[in-house]
């Protein structure tokens, strides 16, 4: 019984360490992501969930400066998730 309890404790600890290391590896920052979300919403003037270069220039100039890099698929717009991903990679 003690061995089973010890194994459960070890498994729980390993899972907690794995979850923590994944969030560090992904560079998750809830405050940064919330700020990006807020600024994106203000810049997305037509509310379509997409930011054009013009919208980015008017409301998110740092994003506009990196627009081509973020819009890797060359769709002519970017999403908030793409901006968050770029921010996390830096």
C-alpha atoms as a PDB file:
ATOM      1  CA  UNK A   1       0.000   0.000   0.000  1.00  0.00           C
ATOM      2  CA  UNK A   2       2.845   2.395   0.841  1.00  0.00           C
ATOM      3  CA  UNK A   3       4.477   1.637  -2.503  1.00  0.00           C
ATOM      4  CA  UNK A   4       1.287   2.456  -4.397  1.00  0.00           C
ATOM      5  CA  UNK A   5       0.874   5.745  -2.490  1.00  0.00           C
ATOM      6  CA  UNK A   6       4.508   6.630  -3.167  1.00  0.00           C
ATOM      7  CA  UNK A   7       4.095   5.842  -6.878  1.00  0.00           C
ATOM      8  CA  UNK A   8       0.986   8.049  -7.071  1.00  0.00           C
ATOM      9  CA  UNK A   9       2.869  10.887  -5.370  1.00  0.00           C
ATOM     10  CA  UNK A  10       5.776  10.518  -7.791  1.00  0.00           C
ATOM     11  CA  UNK A  11       3.441  10.460 -10.789  1.00  0.00           C
ATOM     12  CA  UNK A  12       1.602  13.564  -9.577  1.00  0.00           C
ATOM     13  CA  UNK A  13       4.912  15.356  -9.029  1.00  0.00           C
ATOM     14  CA  UNK A  14       6.184  14.386 -12.480  1.00  0.00           C
ATOM     15  CA  UNK A  15       2.983  15.602 -14.113  1.00  0.00           C
ATOM     16  CA  UNK A  16       3.203  18.930 -12.269  1.00  0.00           C
ATOM     17  CA  UNK A  17       6.818  19.413 -13.348  1.00  0.00           C
ATOM     18  CA  UNK A  18       5.932  18.535 -16.935  1.00  0.00           C
ATOM     19  CA  UNK A  19       3.055  21.036 -16.993  1.00  0.00           C
ATOM     20  CA  UNK A  20       5.270  23.779 -15.561  1.00  0.00           C
ATOM     21  CA  UNK A  21       8.056  23.106 -18.042  1.00  0.00           C
ATOM     22  CA  UNK A  22       5.621  23.177 -20.962  1.00  0.00           C
ATOM     23  CA  UNK A  23       4.270  26.584 -19.976  1.00  0.00           C
ATOM     24  CA  UNK A  24       7.817  27.901 -19.619  1.00  0.00           C
ATOM     25  CA  UNK A  25       8.777  26.432 -22.981  1.00  0.00           C
ATOM     26  CA  UNK A  26       5.790  28.106 -24.602  1.00  0.00           C
ATOM     27  CA  UNK A  27       6.611  31.395 -22.843  1.00  0.00           C
ATOM     28  CA  UNK A  28       3.037  31.827 -21.651  1.00  0.00           C
ATOM     29  CA  UNK A  29       2.441  35.217 -20.035  1.00  0.00           C
ATOM     30  CA  UNK A  30      -1.212  35.819 -19.145  1.00  0.00           C
ATOM     31  CA  UNK A  31      -0.709  39.558 -18.539  1.00  0.00           C
ATOM     32  CA  UNK A  32       1.015  40.037 -21.882  1.00  0.00           C
ATOM     33  CA  UNK A  33      -1.631  37.992 -23.677  1.00  0.00           C
ATOM     34  CA  UNK A  34      -4.445  39.979 -22.028  1.00  0.00           C
ATOM     35  CA  UNK A  35      -2.813  43.247 -23.096  1.00  0.00           C
ATOM     36  CA  UNK A  36      -2.420  41.958 -26.658  1.00  0.00           C
ATOM     37  CA  UNK A  37      -6.077  40.888 -26.658  1.00  0.00           C
ATOM     38  CA  UNK A  38      -7.195  44.304 -25.422  1.00  0.00           C
ATOM     39  CA  UNK A  39      -5.113  46.234 -27.955  1.00  0.00           C
ATOM     40  CA  UNK A  40      -6.146  43.912 -30.760  1.00  0.00           C
ATOM     41  CA  UNK A  41      -9.822  44.434 -29.973  1.00  0.00           C
ATOM     42  CA  UNK A  42      -9.369  48.223 -30.025  1.00  0.00           C
ATOM     43  CA  UNK A  43      -7.424  48.119 -33.301  1.00  0.00           C
ATOM     44  CA  UNK A  44      -9.852  45.740 -35.050  1.00  0.00           C
ATOM     45  CA  UNK A  45     -12.191  48.515 -36.152  1.00  0.00           C
ATOM     46  CA  UNK A  46     -14.665  46.325 -38.048  1.00  0.00           C
ATOM     47  CA  UNK A  47     -14.678  43.622 -35.364  1.00  0.00           C
ATOM     48  CA  UNK A  48     -14.033  40.745 -37.765  1.00  0.00           C
ATOM     49  CA  UNK A  49     -11.293  39.161 -35.646  1.00  0.00           C
ATOM     50  CA  UNK A  50      -8.683  39.993 -38.256  1.00  0.00           C
ATOM     51  CA  UNK A  51      -6.218  42.851 -38.320  1.00  0.00           C
ATOM     52  CA  UNK A  52      -5.262  44.342 -41.661  1.00  0.00           C
ATOM     53  CA  UNK A  53      -2.031  46.245 -42.133  1.00  0.00           C
ATOM     54  CA  UNK A  54      -3.976  49.509 -42.070  1.00  0.00           C
ATOM     55  CA  UNK A  55      -5.685  48.605 -38.792  1.00  0.00           C
ATOM     56  CA  UNK A  56      -2.344  47.556 -37.322  1.00  0.00           C
ATOM     57  CA  UNK A  57      -0.689  50.818 -38.372  1.00  0.00           C
ATOM     58  CA  UNK A  58      -3.446  52.798 -36.673  1.00  0.00           C
ATOM     59  CA  UNK A  59      -3.712  50.773 -33.475  1.00  0.00           C
ATOM     60  CA  UNK A  60      -0.704  48.479 -33.039  1.00  0.00           C
ATOM     61  CA  UNK A  61       2.364  50.094 -34.631  1.00  0.00           C
ATOM     62  CA  UNK A  62       4.850  47.468 -33.374  1.00  0.00           C
ATOM     63  CA  UNK A  63       2.678  44.767 -34.887  1.00  0.00           C
ATOM     64  CA  UNK A  64       2.455  46.769 -38.114  1.00  0.00           C
ATOM     65  CA  UNK A  65       6.265  46.931 -38.267  1.00  0.00           C
ATOM     66  CA  UNK A  66       6.344  43.113 -38.140  1.00  0.00           C
ATOM     67  CA  UNK A  67       3.176  42.504 -40.140  1.00  0.00           C
ATOM     68  CA  UNK A  68       4.828  40.617 -43.014  1.00  0.00           C
ATOM     69  CA  UNK A  69       6.654  38.355 -40.595  1.00  0.00           C
ATOM     70  CA  UNK A  70       3.477  37.584 -38.648  1.00  0.00           C
ATOM     71  CA  UNK A  71       1.392  37.107 -41.811  1.00  0.00           C
ATOM     72  CA  UNK A  72       3.577  34.208 -42.971  1.00  0.00           C
ATOM     73  CA  UNK A  73       0.798  32.837 -45.188  1.00  0.00           C
ATOM     74  CA  UNK A  74       0.403  36.230 -46.900  1.00  0.00           C
ATOM     75  CA  UNK A  75      -3.356  36.396 -46.325  1.00  0.00           C
ATOM     76  CA  UNK A  76      -3.377  40.170 -45.858  1.00  0.00           C
ATOM     77  CA  UNK A  77      -4.514  39.951 -42.246  1.00  0.00           C
ATOM     78  CA  UNK A  78      -3.371  38.548 -38.931  1.00  0.00           C
ATOM     79  CA  UNK A  79      -5.186  37.187 -35.894  1.00  0.00           C
ATOM     80  CA  UNK A  80      -4.703  37.793 -32.215  1.00  0.00           C
ATOM     81  CA  UNK A  81      -3.376  34.238 -31.810  1.00  0.00           C
ATOM     82  CA  UNK A  82      -0.673  34.910 -34.406  1.00  0.00           C
ATOM     83  CA  UNK A  83       0.388  38.043 -32.530  1.00  0.00           C
ATOM     84  CA  UNK A  84       0.474  36.168 -29.217  1.00  0.00           C
ATOM     85  CA  UNK A  85       2.555  33.408 -30.793  1.00  0.00           C
ATOM     86  CA  UNK A  86       5.046  35.935 -32.170  1.00  0.00           C
ATOM     87  CA  UNK A  87       5.247  37.709 -28.809  1.00  0.00           C
ATOM     88  CA  UNK A  88       5.866  34.404 -27.023  1.00  0.00           C
ATOM     89  CA  UNK A  89       8.723  33.558 -29.375  1.00  0.00           C
ATOM     90  CA  UNK A  90      10.671  36.674 -28.425  1.00  0.00           C
END
